[in-house]
Amino acid sequence: MDFEIIIQSLPRFFHGILITLEITAISLFIGFFLAIVLAVMRVSKNPFIWMPVYGFNFYFRGTPLLVQLFLIYYGSGQFQEFLSQVGLWQFFKEAYFCAVLSLTLNTAAYASEIFRGGIQGVNFGEIEAGRACGMSGVLLYRRIILPSALRIAWPAYTNEVVFLLQASSLVSIITLMDITGVARVIAARSFAFYELFLTAAVIYLILVYGVIFVFKKIEKKINAHLSEANA
């Protein structure tokens, strides 16, 4: 084991960690709110509302993230003229934007199905109680349905966050220097593949269990009233 190459590579790994966390955080933030909107549309009884969401989820859950990443990053070049006309090419020509867009759409599709299950799992008595208090529509969703749905879906959503963090390693394929990208570039020059990818694996391990710890704390917080009720 060559520890010297690991120590020398740590500054570049720290930069890779920042890129990984930044891309993951932005994708999660946008994807979370998009997923809630999609989940609400998905439980609608109007086929003109739920069918487009079904098609969106069908594609992004049924195809590999790597293929989606390639289609957005490399495939958008075929529409350069159109994207330039509408002022979007300046975004699609950047690997960073394409990576965030791919991860956002992917996690939104998975999370929307998780939240849909949470919405459908809300106790009907809670909904009836809300209606009895004069709530309906957006107010009913904001005060009764969505808070209960998030509590139900949170453990499954935690797994989705972990999967997204791990999946972010794919962005190195489109030249971004995240954790995996740093390990791949340095290993290609030094041939210390074992040391560098083992270091990358340890870093991902620490990040994953850090995320799990934080989300468990959040889960405990949003379910605090249940603990008090059982005390």
Foldseek 3Di string as FASTA:
>chain_A
DDVVLVVVLVVLQVVQAVLLVVLLVLLCVLLVVLLQVLLVQCPDPDCVRNVVSVVLLCVLVVDDLLVQLCCQQVVCVVVLVVCVVVVNNVQSPDLSSSLSVSLNSNLSSVSSVLLNVLLVPFDVVQLVVCVVVVDDDPRSCVPTRNLRSCLVSLVVSLVSSLVSSVVSLSSVVVVDSHLNVSLVVSCVVVVPNPVSVVVSVVVSVVVSVVSVVVSVVVSCVSCVVVVVVVD
